[in-house]
Amino acid sequence: MSFFEHSGMGRRRFLTSAAALSLGTGAVILGSTPARAVQAAPTIYDTTAWNARPPSSAVSLAGNDPNKIVVHHTAFDNTPDTGQSGSFAIAKEIQDLHMDTNGWIDSGQHFTISRTGYIMEGRHRSLERLRAGSDMVVGAHTVGQNSQGIGIENNGTYITEAPPQVLYTSLVGMCAYICTQYGLNPNEIYGHRDFNDTECPGDTFYAMLPQLRSDVAAAM
């Protein structure tokens, strides 16, 4: 989802050269529901690590497990995040925009992935519930799906450009971990546009979702 679309702000589009990760080669049956197995957790930086502001009010729990993952792009410029410091700055920029411009209590998405592959907690308590493998935080990323889907913001604009391979690799690992923790089938990975009238996550990224589902299943 582009939070610019929620706030009525225009997108900033810069062209960049990026490569997409090739399809996994393992034999995968996407039609079957994966059993809950041990899946190595990727490195996820919590809200304390990137010095997030506290929510303006307590976040709410949905009272149920998520039944899907929703992939977004931020619609930010396709420029380097410059590693950890730049990635943390992106997380803070998103939170400030969501709280100060959109009037939300916290970041709308559950998790954020930078263009250099750093995975960060978005809305407070999202990582807590993911690690527990039960219940989910109510987000503000996709109308009608905020208590059903885990929202992942991928930094950049992917209308004509593909996300960097390092971002995509982190997304595969993150989705595999989410699916394992919550017992989700990789088929339940969607784009924002599947539910709302939006370009998000961009034409190029959206066309990669079948590949993403296959690669997540292979990773599991």
N, C-alpha and C. Protein backbone atom coordinates (compact mmCIF):
# COMPACT_ATOMS: atom_id res chain seq x y z
N MET A 1 0.84 -1.17 0.00
CA MET A 1 0.00 0.00 0.00
C MET A 1 0.87 1.21 0.00
N SER A 2 0.47 2.19 -0.66
CA SER A 2 1.17 3.46 -0.58
C SER A 2 0.44 4.34 0.39
N PHE A 3 1.12 4.74 1.45
CA PHE A 3 0.46 5.61 2.41
C PHE A 3 0.26 6.99 1.83
N PHE A 4 0.96 7.32 0.72
CA PHE A 4 0.69 8.58 0.04
C PHE A 4 -0.72 8.58 -0.51
N GLU A 5 -1.20 7.38 -0.94
CA GLU A 5 -2.55 7.33 -1.48
C GLU A 5 -3.58 7.57 -0.38
N HIS A 6 -3.31 7.09 0.82
CA HIS A 6 -4.21 7.35 1.93
C HIS A 6 -4.24 8.83 2.28
N SER A 7 -3.10 9.49 2.16
CA SER A 7 -3.02 10.88 2.59
C SER A 7 -3.27 11.86 1.47
N GLY A 8 -3.44 11.33 0.23
CA GLY A 8 -3.69 12.20 -0.89
C GLY A 8 -2.41 12.82 -1.45
N MET A 9 -1.26 12.37 -1.02
CA MET A 9 0.00 12.93 -1.48
C MET A 9 0.43 12.22 -2.75
N GLY A 10 1.14 12.92 -3.64
CA GLY A 10 1.60 12.35 -4.88
C GLY A 10 2.81 11.46 -4.68
N ARG A 11 3.03 10.57 -5.63
CA ARG A 11 4.20 9.70 -5.54
C ARG A 11 5.40 10.39 -6.14
N ARG A 12 6.57 10.11 -5.59
CA ARG A 12 7.82 10.55 -6.15
C ARG A 12 8.44 9.37 -6.87
N ARG A 13 8.69 9.51 -8.16
CA ARG A 13 9.16 8.37 -8.93
C ARG A 13 10.56 8.64 -9.50
N PHE A 14 11.48 7.81 -9.16
CA PHE A 14 12.82 7.85 -9.71
C PHE A 14 13.09 6.49 -10.32
N LEU A 15 13.79 6.49 -11.45
CA LEU A 15 14.14 5.22 -12.08
C LEU A 15 15.40 4.67 -11.44
N THR A 16 15.43 3.36 -11.31
CA THR A 16 16.63 2.71 -10.80
C THR A 16 16.79 1.38 -11.50
N SER A 17 17.96 0.85 -11.49
CA SER A 17 18.20 -0.46 -12.07
C SER A 17 18.16 -1.48 -10.96
N ALA A 18 17.31 -2.49 -11.09
CA ALA A 18 17.18 -3.51 -10.04
C ALA A 18 16.97 -4.86 -10.68
N ALA A 19 17.44 -5.88 -10.02
CA ALA A 19 17.31 -7.24 -10.55
C ALA A 19 16.36 -8.02 -9.68
N ALA A 20 15.55 -8.88 -10.29
CA ALA A 20 14.63 -9.74 -9.54
C ALA A 20 15.28 -11.09 -9.32
N LEU A 21 14.99 -11.70 -8.20
CA LEU A 21 15.53 -13.02 -7.88
C LEU A 21 14.84 -14.07 -8.74
N SER A 22 15.58 -15.03 -9.23
CA SER A 22 15.00 -16.06 -10.08
C SER A 22 14.16 -17.03 -9.27
N LEU A 23 13.32 -17.78 -9.97
CA LEU A 23 12.45 -18.75 -9.31
C LEU A 23 13.25 -19.83 -8.62
N GLY A 24 12.76 -20.29 -7.48
CA GLY A 24 13.41 -21.41 -6.81
C GLY A 24 13.24 -22.67 -7.64
N THR A 25 14.15 -23.61 -7.47
CA THR A 25 14.13 -24.80 -8.31
C THR A 25 13.54 -26.01 -7.61
N GLY A 26 13.20 -25.89 -6.34
CA GLY A 26 12.67 -27.04 -5.63
C GLY A 26 11.26 -27.38 -6.07
N ALA A 27 10.90 -28.64 -5.93
CA ALA A 27 9.54 -29.06 -6.27
C ALA A 27 8.61 -28.60 -5.17
N VAL A 28 7.56 -27.86 -5.54
CA VAL A 28 6.66 -27.25 -4.57
C VAL A 28 5.23 -27.54 -4.96
N ILE A 29 4.42 -27.90 -4.00
CA ILE A 29 2.99 -28.07 -4.22
C ILE A 29 2.29 -26.94 -3.48
N LEU A 30 1.85 -25.94 -4.24
CA LEU A 30 1.26 -24.76 -3.61
C LEU A 30 -0.15 -25.02 -3.12
N GLY A 31 -0.80 -26.05 -3.61
CA GLY A 31 -2.18 -26.27 -3.24
C GLY A 31 -2.36 -26.86 -1.86
N SER A 32 -1.28 -27.28 -1.22
CA SER A 32 -1.41 -27.90 0.09
C SER A 32 -1.06 -26.91 1.18
N THR A 33 -1.70 -27.05 2.32
CA THR A 33 -1.42 -26.17 3.45
C THR A 33 -0.19 -26.66 4.18
N PRO A 34 0.82 -25.79 4.35
CA PRO A 34 2.05 -26.25 5.00
C PRO A 34 1.83 -26.57 6.47
N ALA A 35 2.49 -27.61 6.94
CA ALA A 35 2.42 -27.93 8.36
C ALA A 35 3.26 -26.92 9.12
N ARG A 36 2.92 -26.69 10.37
CA ARG A 36 3.72 -25.79 11.19
C ARG A 36 5.04 -26.47 11.49
N ALA A 37 6.11 -25.91 11.02
CA ALA A 37 7.43 -26.46 11.21
C ALA A 37 8.34 -25.37 11.74
N VAL A 38 9.54 -25.76 12.10
CA VAL A 38 10.49 -24.77 12.59
C VAL A 38 11.07 -24.04 11.39
N GLN A 39 10.93 -22.73 11.36
CA GLN A 39 11.46 -21.90 10.29
C GLN A 39 12.39 -20.88 10.92
N ALA A 40 13.61 -20.83 10.44
CA ALA A 40 14.56 -19.87 10.99
C ALA A 40 14.02 -18.45 10.84
N ALA A 41 14.03 -17.72 11.92
CA ALA A 41 13.55 -16.35 11.89
C ALA A 41 14.60 -15.45 11.26
N PRO A 42 14.21 -14.59 10.33
CA PRO A 42 15.16 -13.62 9.81
C PRO A 42 15.47 -12.58 10.88
N THR A 43 16.50 -11.80 10.66
CA THR A 43 16.79 -10.70 11.58
C THR A 43 15.75 -9.62 11.39
N ILE A 44 15.02 -9.32 12.46
CA ILE A 44 13.97 -8.31 12.42
C ILE A 44 14.26 -7.29 13.51
N TYR A 45 14.43 -6.04 13.13
CA TYR A 45 14.71 -4.97 14.09
C TYR A 45 13.40 -4.44 14.64
N ASP A 46 13.27 -4.48 15.97
CA ASP A 46 12.02 -4.05 16.57
C ASP A 46 11.94 -2.53 16.64
N THR A 47 10.81 -2.04 17.13
CA THR A 47 10.60 -0.59 17.16
C THR A 47 11.59 0.14 18.06
N THR A 48 12.09 -0.56 19.08
CA THR A 48 13.10 0.06 19.94
C THR A 48 14.40 0.27 19.19
N ALA A 49 14.76 -0.68 18.33
CA ALA A 49 16.03 -0.60 17.60
C ALA A 49 16.09 0.64 16.72
N TRP A 50 14.97 0.99 16.07
CA TRP A 50 15.01 2.17 15.20
C TRP A 50 14.41 3.41 15.87
N ASN A 51 14.26 3.32 17.19
CA ASN A 51 13.86 4.49 17.99
C ASN A 51 12.50 5.05 17.57
N ALA A 52 11.54 4.15 17.46
CA ALA A 52 10.19 4.56 17.10
C ALA A 52 9.55 5.40 18.20
N ARG A 53 8.66 6.28 17.80
CA ARG A 53 7.84 7.01 18.76
C ARG A 53 6.84 6.04 19.38
N PRO A 54 6.40 6.28 20.60
CA PRO A 54 5.34 5.44 21.15
C PRO A 54 4.03 5.71 20.40
N PRO A 55 3.15 4.74 20.33
CA PRO A 55 1.84 4.99 19.69
C PRO A 55 1.09 6.08 20.45
N SER A 56 0.24 6.81 19.76
CA SER A 56 -0.53 7.86 20.41
C SER A 56 -1.61 7.28 21.30
N SER A 57 -1.99 6.03 21.07
CA SER A 57 -2.88 5.29 21.96
C SER A 57 -2.53 3.82 21.80
N ALA A 58 -3.02 3.00 22.70
CA ALA A 58 -2.65 1.59 22.70
C ALA A 58 -3.07 0.90 21.40
N VAL A 59 -2.18 0.09 20.85
CA VAL A 59 -2.56 -0.69 19.67
C VAL A 59 -3.54 -1.77 20.10
N SER A 60 -4.37 -2.19 19.16
CA SER A 60 -5.39 -3.19 19.44
C SER A 60 -4.97 -4.53 18.85
N LEU A 61 -5.36 -5.60 19.52
CA LEU A 61 -5.19 -6.94 18.99
C LEU A 61 -6.48 -7.38 18.31
N ALA A 62 -6.34 -8.12 17.22
CA ALA A 62 -7.51 -8.53 16.44
C ALA A 62 -8.31 -9.61 17.13
N GLY A 63 -7.65 -10.42 17.98
CA GLY A 63 -8.34 -11.54 18.59
C GLY A 63 -8.39 -12.76 17.69
N ASN A 64 -7.62 -12.73 16.62
CA ASN A 64 -7.55 -13.86 15.69
C ASN A 64 -6.19 -13.85 15.01
N ASP A 65 -5.84 -14.99 14.43
CA ASP A 65 -4.62 -15.08 13.64
C ASP A 65 -4.87 -14.47 12.25
N PRO A 66 -3.83 -13.98 11.60
CA PRO A 66 -4.01 -13.48 10.24
C PRO A 66 -4.28 -14.64 9.28
N ASN A 67 -4.96 -14.34 8.19
CA ASN A 67 -5.21 -15.37 7.18
C ASN A 67 -4.53 -15.06 5.85
N LYS A 68 -3.72 -14.00 5.83
CA LYS A 68 -3.04 -13.62 4.60
C LYS A 68 -1.90 -12.66 4.89
N ILE A 69 -1.08 -12.44 3.88
CA ILE A 69 -0.04 -11.42 3.88
C ILE A 69 -0.36 -10.46 2.73
N VAL A 70 -0.23 -9.17 2.98
CA VAL A 70 -0.49 -8.17 1.95
C VAL A 70 0.80 -7.40 1.67
N VAL A 71 1.24 -7.45 0.41
CA VAL A 71 2.49 -6.82 -0.01
C VAL A 71 2.21 -5.41 -0.52
N HIS A 72 3.03 -4.45 -0.08
CA HIS A 72 2.90 -3.05 -0.46
C HIS A 72 4.24 -2.50 -0.94
N HIS A 73 4.20 -1.36 -1.61
CA HIS A 73 5.41 -0.56 -1.78
C HIS A 73 5.14 0.82 -1.18
N THR A 74 6.20 1.48 -0.76
CA THR A 74 6.02 2.77 -0.06
C THR A 74 5.76 3.92 -1.01
N ALA A 75 6.12 3.77 -2.29
CA ALA A 75 6.09 4.85 -3.27
C ALA A 75 7.11 5.93 -2.97
N PHE A 76 8.13 5.61 -2.20
CA PHE A 76 9.27 6.50 -1.99
C PHE A 76 10.22 6.36 -3.19
N ASP A 77 11.18 7.28 -3.27
CA ASP A 77 12.16 7.26 -4.35
C ASP A 77 12.98 5.97 -4.32
N ASN A 78 13.36 5.49 -5.48
CA ASN A 78 14.20 4.30 -5.59
C ASN A 78 15.67 4.67 -5.45
N THR A 79 16.01 5.11 -4.27
CA THR A 79 17.39 5.48 -3.97
C THR A 79 17.91 4.57 -2.87
N PRO A 80 19.24 4.44 -2.72
CA PRO A 80 19.79 3.55 -1.70
C PRO A 80 19.37 3.96 -0.29
N ASP A 81 19.18 2.96 0.57
CA ASP A 81 18.87 3.22 1.97
C ASP A 81 20.13 3.47 2.80
N THR A 82 21.29 3.25 2.20
CA THR A 82 22.58 3.37 2.87
C THR A 82 22.66 2.55 4.15
N GLY A 83 22.27 1.29 4.05
CA GLY A 83 22.45 0.37 5.17
C GLY A 83 21.52 0.58 6.33
N GLN A 84 22.01 0.23 7.52
CA GLN A 84 21.15 0.25 8.70
C GLN A 84 20.64 1.64 9.03
N SER A 85 21.49 2.62 9.05
CA SER A 85 21.06 3.97 9.44
C SER A 85 20.01 4.51 8.47
N GLY A 86 20.23 4.30 7.18
CA GLY A 86 19.25 4.76 6.20
C GLY A 86 17.95 3.99 6.27
N SER A 87 18.05 2.71 6.58
CA SER A 87 16.85 1.89 6.70
C SER A 87 16.01 2.33 7.90
N PHE A 88 16.69 2.57 9.02
CA PHE A 88 15.98 3.04 10.21
C PHE A 88 15.33 4.40 9.95
N ALA A 89 16.00 5.24 9.17
CA ALA A 89 15.44 6.55 8.85
C ALA A 89 14.16 6.41 8.04
N ILE A 90 14.11 5.41 7.15
CA ILE A 90 12.89 5.17 6.37
C ILE A 90 11.74 4.77 7.29
N ALA A 91 12.03 3.88 8.25
CA ALA A 91 10.99 3.45 9.20
C ALA A 91 10.44 4.65 9.97
N LYS A 92 11.33 5.56 10.37
CA LYS A 92 10.90 6.74 11.12
C LYS A 92 10.10 7.68 10.22
N GLU A 93 10.53 7.83 8.97
CA GLU A 93 9.80 8.71 8.04
C GLU A 93 8.38 8.20 7.82
N ILE A 94 8.25 6.89 7.67
CA ILE A 94 6.91 6.31 7.50
C ILE A 94 6.06 6.56 8.73
N GLN A 95 6.61 6.30 9.91
CA GLN A 95 5.83 6.49 11.13
C GLN A 95 5.42 7.95 11.29
N ASP A 96 6.33 8.87 11.05
CA ASP A 96 5.99 10.29 11.18
C ASP A 96 4.86 10.67 10.23
N LEU A 97 4.94 10.19 8.99
CA LEU A 97 3.90 10.50 8.01
C LEU A 97 2.56 9.90 8.43
N HIS A 98 2.59 8.67 8.87
CA HIS A 98 1.34 8.01 9.26
C HIS A 98 0.70 8.67 10.48
N MET A 99 1.51 9.08 11.42
CA MET A 99 0.97 9.67 12.64
C MET A 99 0.64 11.15 12.46
N ASP A 100 1.53 11.90 11.84
CA ASP A 100 1.38 13.35 11.78
C ASP A 100 0.52 13.83 10.62
N THR A 101 0.54 13.09 9.51
CA THR A 101 -0.25 13.49 8.34
C THR A 101 -1.54 12.69 8.23
N ASN A 102 -1.44 11.38 8.39
CA ASN A 102 -2.64 10.55 8.28
C ASN A 102 -3.46 10.50 9.55
N GLY A 103 -2.86 10.87 10.67
CA GLY A 103 -3.59 10.89 11.94
C GLY A 103 -3.78 9.52 12.55
N TRP A 104 -2.92 8.56 12.18
CA TRP A 104 -3.03 7.22 12.74
C TRP A 104 -2.28 7.13 14.06
N ILE A 105 -2.53 6.09 14.82
CA ILE A 105 -1.91 5.97 16.15
C ILE A 105 -0.45 5.54 16.08
N ASP A 106 -0.04 5.01 14.93
CA ASP A 106 1.30 4.42 14.80
C ASP A 106 1.52 4.15 13.32
N SER A 107 2.64 3.54 12.98
CA SER A 107 2.83 3.09 11.60
C SER A 107 1.66 2.18 11.21
N GLY A 108 1.22 2.30 9.97
CA GLY A 108 0.07 1.49 9.55
C GLY A 108 0.40 0.05 9.27
N GLN A 109 1.61 -0.22 8.75
CA GLN A 109 2.00 -1.56 8.37
C GLN A 109 2.60 -2.31 9.55
N HIS A 110 2.59 -3.62 9.46
CA HIS A 110 3.17 -4.43 10.53
C HIS A 110 4.69 -4.50 10.42
N PHE A 111 5.19 -4.57 9.19
CA PHE A 111 6.63 -4.69 8.99
C PHE A 111 7.06 -3.89 7.77
N THR A 112 8.34 -3.51 7.75
CA THR A 112 8.91 -2.72 6.67
C THR A 112 10.21 -3.39 6.21
N ILE A 113 10.44 -3.42 4.90
CA ILE A 113 11.71 -3.92 4.37
C ILE A 113 12.35 -2.82 3.54
N SER A 114 13.60 -2.51 3.86
CA SER A 114 14.30 -1.44 3.15
C SER A 114 14.89 -1.96 1.85
N ARG A 115 15.36 -1.03 1.02
CA ARG A 115 15.95 -1.41 -0.26
C ARG A 115 17.30 -2.10 -0.09
N THR A 116 17.86 -2.02 1.10
CA THR A 116 19.08 -2.78 1.37
C THR A 116 18.79 -4.03 2.20
N GLY A 117 17.51 -4.41 2.30
CA GLY A 117 17.13 -5.70 2.85
C GLY A 117 16.92 -5.77 4.35
N TYR A 118 16.96 -4.62 5.04
CA TYR A 118 16.71 -4.64 6.48
C TYR A 118 15.22 -4.80 6.73
N ILE A 119 14.89 -5.72 7.64
CA ILE A 119 13.49 -5.96 8.02
C ILE A 119 13.25 -5.29 9.37
N MET A 120 12.21 -4.48 9.44
CA MET A 120 11.93 -3.72 10.66
C MET A 120 10.46 -3.86 11.06
N GLU A 121 10.23 -3.93 12.34
CA GLU A 121 8.87 -3.90 12.86
C GLU A 121 8.27 -2.53 12.56
N GLY A 122 7.02 -2.51 12.14
CA GLY A 122 6.33 -1.25 11.89
C GLY A 122 5.48 -0.88 13.08
N ARG A 123 4.25 -1.35 13.10
CA ARG A 123 3.37 -1.06 14.24
C ARG A 123 3.83 -1.84 15.47
N HIS A 124 3.84 -1.16 16.61
CA HIS A 124 4.26 -1.77 17.86
C HIS A 124 3.48 -3.07 18.14
N ARG A 125 4.19 -4.02 18.72
CA ARG A 125 3.68 -5.32 19.15
C ARG A 125 3.50 -6.32 18.01
N SER A 126 3.75 -5.88 16.76
CA SER A 126 3.61 -6.81 15.64
C SER A 126 4.60 -7.96 15.75
N LEU A 127 5.83 -7.66 16.13
CA LEU A 127 6.86 -8.68 16.25
C LEU A 127 6.57 -9.61 17.43
N GLU A 128 6.09 -9.04 18.51
CA GLU A 128 5.71 -9.85 19.69
C GLU A 128 4.71 -10.93 19.30
N ARG A 129 3.65 -10.54 18.58
CA ARG A 129 2.62 -11.49 18.20
C ARG A 129 3.12 -12.49 17.15
N LEU A 130 3.98 -12.02 16.24
CA LEU A 130 4.53 -12.93 15.25
C LEU A 130 5.38 -14.00 15.91
N ARG A 131 6.22 -13.61 16.84
CA ARG A 131 7.06 -14.59 17.52
C ARG A 131 6.22 -15.59 18.32
N ALA A 132 5.11 -15.11 18.88
CA ALA A 132 4.22 -15.99 19.63
C ALA A 132 3.44 -16.92 18.70
N GLY A 133 3.23 -16.50 17.46
CA GLY A 133 2.48 -17.31 16.51
C GLY A 133 1.00 -17.36 16.80
N SER A 134 0.50 -16.33 17.49
CA SER A 134 -0.94 -16.28 17.79
C SER A 134 -1.38 -14.83 17.89
N ASP A 135 -2.58 -14.57 17.39
CA ASP A 135 -3.17 -13.24 17.40
C ASP A 135 -2.33 -12.29 16.54
N MET A 136 -2.86 -11.15 16.25
CA MET A 136 -2.16 -10.16 15.44
C MET A 136 -2.60 -8.76 15.86
N VAL A 137 -1.73 -7.81 15.61
CA VAL A 137 -2.06 -6.41 15.86
C VAL A 137 -2.93 -5.90 14.72
N VAL A 138 -3.94 -5.13 15.05
CA VAL A 138 -4.76 -4.48 14.02
C VAL A 138 -3.93 -3.38 13.37
N GLY A 139 -3.78 -3.43 12.06
CA GLY A 139 -2.98 -2.45 11.34
C GLY A 139 -3.83 -1.37 10.71
N ALA A 140 -3.22 -0.63 9.78
CA ALA A 140 -3.91 0.42 9.03
C ALA A 140 -3.27 0.51 7.65
N HIS A 141 -3.24 -0.61 6.94
CA HIS A 141 -2.52 -0.66 5.66
C HIS A 141 -3.41 -0.99 4.47
N THR A 142 -4.52 -1.70 4.69
CA THR A 142 -5.39 -2.12 3.60
C THR A 142 -6.83 -2.10 4.09
N VAL A 143 -7.65 -1.27 3.49
CA VAL A 143 -9.04 -1.16 3.92
C VAL A 143 -9.72 -2.53 3.81
N GLY A 144 -10.34 -2.96 4.89
CA GLY A 144 -11.05 -4.23 4.91
C GLY A 144 -10.20 -5.42 5.30
N GLN A 145 -8.89 -5.22 5.42
CA GLN A 145 -8.00 -6.34 5.72
C GLN A 145 -7.09 -6.09 6.93
N ASN A 146 -7.33 -5.01 7.64
CA ASN A 146 -6.40 -4.63 8.70
C ASN A 146 -6.42 -5.55 9.92
N SER A 147 -7.46 -6.32 10.08
CA SER A 147 -7.50 -7.31 11.16
C SER A 147 -7.42 -8.73 10.61
N GLN A 148 -7.04 -8.84 9.32
CA GLN A 148 -6.96 -10.14 8.66
C GLN A 148 -5.59 -10.40 8.05
N GLY A 149 -4.95 -9.35 7.57
CA GLY A 149 -3.71 -9.52 6.83
C GLY A 149 -2.52 -8.84 7.47
N ILE A 150 -1.36 -9.48 7.41
CA ILE A 150 -0.11 -8.87 7.84
C ILE A 150 0.40 -8.01 6.70
N GLY A 151 0.54 -6.71 6.93
CA GLY A 151 0.97 -5.79 5.90
C GLY A 151 2.48 -5.58 5.93
N ILE A 152 3.12 -5.75 4.77
CA ILE A 152 4.56 -5.54 4.66
C ILE A 152 4.82 -4.43 3.65
N GLU A 153 5.42 -3.33 4.11
CA GLU A 153 5.83 -2.24 3.23
C GLU A 153 7.23 -2.52 2.70
N ASN A 154 7.38 -2.45 1.39
CA ASN A 154 8.68 -2.60 0.74
C ASN A 154 9.09 -1.24 0.19
N ASN A 155 10.19 -0.73 0.68
CA ASN A 155 10.55 0.64 0.33
C ASN A 155 10.89 0.78 -1.15
N GLY A 156 10.29 1.78 -1.78
CA GLY A 156 10.54 2.06 -3.19
C GLY A 156 9.25 2.13 -3.98
N THR A 157 9.39 2.40 -5.27
CA THR A 157 8.27 2.49 -6.20
C THR A 157 8.51 1.49 -7.32
N TYR A 158 7.59 0.54 -7.50
CA TYR A 158 7.84 -0.59 -8.39
C TYR A 158 6.79 -0.71 -9.48
N ILE A 159 6.49 0.42 -10.10
CA ILE A 159 5.56 0.44 -11.22
C ILE A 159 6.25 -0.07 -12.48
N THR A 160 7.46 0.42 -12.74
CA THR A 160 8.21 -0.02 -13.91
C THR A 160 9.51 -0.72 -13.54
N GLU A 161 9.94 -0.60 -12.32
CA GLU A 161 11.19 -1.21 -11.86
C GLU A 161 10.91 -2.35 -10.88
N ALA A 162 11.76 -3.35 -10.89
CA ALA A 162 11.67 -4.45 -9.93
C ALA A 162 12.39 -4.07 -8.65
N PRO A 163 11.97 -4.62 -7.52
CA PRO A 163 12.70 -4.35 -6.28
C PRO A 163 14.11 -4.92 -6.34
N PRO A 164 15.04 -4.35 -5.60
CA PRO A 164 16.40 -4.91 -5.56
C PRO A 164 16.37 -6.35 -5.07
N GLN A 165 17.32 -7.14 -5.54
CA GLN A 165 17.35 -8.56 -5.16
C GLN A 165 17.46 -8.72 -3.65
N VAL A 166 18.25 -7.87 -2.99
CA VAL A 166 18.44 -8.01 -1.55
C VAL A 166 17.12 -7.77 -0.81
N LEU A 167 16.31 -6.85 -1.29
CA LEU A 167 14.98 -6.63 -0.69
C LEU A 167 14.11 -7.86 -0.93
N TYR A 168 14.10 -8.35 -2.16
CA TYR A 168 13.26 -9.49 -2.49
C TYR A 168 13.65 -10.72 -1.66
N THR A 169 14.94 -10.94 -1.50
CA THR A 169 15.40 -12.08 -0.71
C THR A 169 14.90 -11.97 0.73
N SER A 170 14.97 -10.77 1.30
CA SER A 170 14.46 -10.56 2.67
C SER A 170 12.95 -10.78 2.73
N LEU A 171 12.24 -10.35 1.69
CA LEU A 171 10.79 -10.54 1.66
C LEU A 171 10.44 -12.02 1.63
N VAL A 172 11.16 -12.81 0.84
CA VAL A 172 10.90 -14.25 0.79
C VAL A 172 11.09 -14.86 2.18
N GLY A 173 12.21 -14.54 2.84
CA GLY A 173 12.46 -15.09 4.16
C GLY A 173 11.44 -14.64 5.19
N MET A 174 11.03 -13.39 5.09
CA MET A 174 10.05 -12.86 6.04
C MET A 174 8.69 -13.53 5.84
N CYS A 175 8.27 -13.65 4.59
CA CYS A 175 6.98 -14.29 4.31
C CYS A 175 6.99 -15.76 4.74
N ALA A 176 8.12 -16.44 4.51
CA ALA A 176 8.22 -17.85 4.94
C ALA A 176 8.09 -17.96 6.45
N TYR A 177 8.71 -17.05 7.17
CA TYR A 177 8.63 -17.06 8.63
C TYR A 177 7.20 -16.77 9.10
N ILE A 178 6.55 -15.78 8.50
CA ILE A 178 5.17 -15.46 8.86
C ILE A 178 4.26 -16.66 8.58
N CYS A 179 4.40 -17.26 7.40
CA CYS A 179 3.56 -18.40 7.04
C CYS A 179 3.76 -19.56 8.02
N THR A 180 5.00 -19.80 8.41
CA THR A 180 5.27 -20.89 9.34
C THR A 180 4.70 -20.59 10.72
N GLN A 181 4.92 -19.38 11.21
CA GLN A 181 4.45 -19.03 12.55
C GLN A 181 2.93 -19.08 12.66
N TYR A 182 2.24 -18.68 11.61
CA TYR A 182 0.78 -18.62 11.66
C TYR A 182 0.09 -19.75 10.90
N GLY A 183 0.87 -20.69 10.35
CA GLY A 183 0.27 -21.79 9.62
C GLY A 183 -0.41 -21.37 8.34
N LEU A 184 0.14 -20.36 7.65
CA LEU A 184 -0.46 -19.86 6.42
C LEU A 184 0.08 -20.60 5.20
N ASN A 185 -0.75 -20.72 4.19
CA ASN A 185 -0.32 -21.24 2.90
C ASN A 185 0.28 -20.09 2.10
N PRO A 186 1.42 -20.29 1.42
CA PRO A 186 1.99 -19.21 0.61
C PRO A 186 1.07 -18.69 -0.48
N ASN A 187 0.05 -19.45 -0.84
CA ASN A 187 -0.94 -18.94 -1.79
C ASN A 187 -1.67 -17.71 -1.24
N GLU A 188 -1.64 -17.55 0.08
CA GLU A 188 -2.36 -16.43 0.71
C GLU A 188 -1.47 -15.19 0.82
N ILE A 189 -0.67 -14.95 -0.20
CA ILE A 189 0.13 -13.73 -0.30
C ILE A 189 -0.47 -12.90 -1.44
N TYR A 190 -0.85 -11.68 -1.12
CA TYR A 190 -1.56 -10.82 -2.06
C TYR A 190 -0.87 -9.47 -2.20
N GLY A 191 -1.32 -8.71 -3.18
CA GLY A 191 -0.92 -7.33 -3.31
C GLY A 191 -2.03 -6.42 -2.83
N HIS A 192 -1.69 -5.21 -2.44
CA HIS A 192 -2.68 -4.25 -1.96
C HIS A 192 -3.82 -4.07 -2.96
N ARG A 193 -3.48 -4.05 -4.24
CA ARG A 193 -4.50 -3.80 -5.27
C ARG A 193 -5.54 -4.93 -5.37
N ASP A 194 -5.26 -6.07 -4.77
CA ASP A 194 -6.25 -7.14 -4.77
C ASP A 194 -7.47 -6.79 -3.93
N PHE A 195 -7.34 -5.78 -3.07
CA PHE A 195 -8.42 -5.43 -2.15
C PHE A 195 -8.90 -3.99 -2.27
N ASN A 196 -8.04 -3.09 -2.69
CA ASN A 196 -8.39 -1.67 -2.77
C ASN A 196 -8.03 -1.12 -4.14
N ASP A 197 -8.63 0.00 -4.50
CA ASP A 197 -8.37 0.66 -5.78
C ASP A 197 -7.07 1.44 -5.69
N THR A 198 -5.98 0.81 -6.07
CA THR A 198 -4.66 1.39 -5.93
C THR A 198 -3.70 0.75 -6.92
N GLU A 199 -2.63 1.45 -7.26
CA GLU A 199 -1.57 0.87 -8.09
C GLU A 199 -0.65 -0.04 -7.28
N CYS A 200 -0.68 0.09 -5.99
CA CYS A 200 0.23 -0.60 -5.08
C CYS A 200 0.06 -2.13 -5.19
N PRO A 201 1.12 -2.90 -5.22
CA PRO A 201 2.52 -2.54 -5.02
C PRO A 201 3.29 -2.20 -6.29
N GLY A 202 2.63 -1.69 -7.31
CA GLY A 202 3.26 -1.37 -8.58
C GLY A 202 3.12 -2.52 -9.56
N ASP A 203 2.99 -2.19 -10.85
CA ASP A 203 2.76 -3.21 -11.87
C ASP A 203 3.85 -4.28 -11.89
N THR A 204 5.11 -3.85 -11.82
CA THR A 204 6.20 -4.81 -11.92
C THR A 204 6.24 -5.73 -10.70
N PHE A 205 6.10 -5.16 -9.52
CA PHE A 205 6.13 -5.97 -8.30
C PHE A 205 4.92 -6.89 -8.24
N TYR A 206 3.76 -6.38 -8.61
CA TYR A 206 2.55 -7.20 -8.57
C TYR A 206 2.69 -8.41 -9.48
N ALA A 207 3.32 -8.22 -10.64
CA ALA A 207 3.50 -9.34 -11.57
C ALA A 207 4.46 -10.39 -11.02
N MET A 208 5.24 -10.04 -10.01
CA MET A 208 6.18 -10.97 -9.39
C MET A 208 5.55 -11.81 -8.29
N LEU A 209 4.29 -11.54 -7.92
CA LEU A 209 3.69 -12.25 -6.79
C LEU A 209 3.58 -13.76 -7.00
N PRO A 210 3.25 -14.25 -8.20
CA PRO A 210 3.27 -15.72 -8.37
C PRO A 210 4.65 -16.30 -8.08
N GLN A 211 5.70 -15.63 -8.54
CA GLN A 211 7.06 -16.07 -8.24
C GLN A 211 7.32 -16.02 -6.74
N LEU A 212 6.85 -14.96 -6.09
CA LEU A 212 7.04 -14.83 -4.65
C LEU A 212 6.38 -15.99 -3.91
N ARG A 213 5.18 -16.34 -4.28
CA ARG A 213 4.49 -17.45 -3.62
C ARG A 213 5.28 -18.75 -3.78
N SER A 214 5.79 -18.99 -4.98
CA SER A 214 6.58 -20.20 -5.22
C SER A 214 7.87 -20.20 -4.42
N ASP A 215 8.54 -19.06 -4.38
CA ASP A 215 9.81 -18.97 -3.67
C ASP A 215 9.61 -19.10 -2.15
N VAL A 216 8.51 -18.56 -1.65
CA VAL A 216 8.22 -18.71 -0.21
C VAL A 216 7.94 -20.17 0.11
N ALA A 217 7.15 -20.83 -0.73
CA ALA A 217 6.87 -22.25 -0.49
C ALA A 217 8.15 -23.07 -0.51
N ALA A 218 9.05 -22.76 -1.45
CA ALA A 218 10.31 -23.48 -1.53
C ALA A 218 11.16 -23.23 -0.29
N ALA A 219 11.14 -22.00 0.20
CA ALA A 219 11.91 -21.66 1.39
C ALA A 219 11.40 -22.37 2.63
N MET A 220 10.11 -22.72 2.64
CA MET A 220 9.52 -23.41 3.78
C MET A 220 9.79 -24.91 3.72
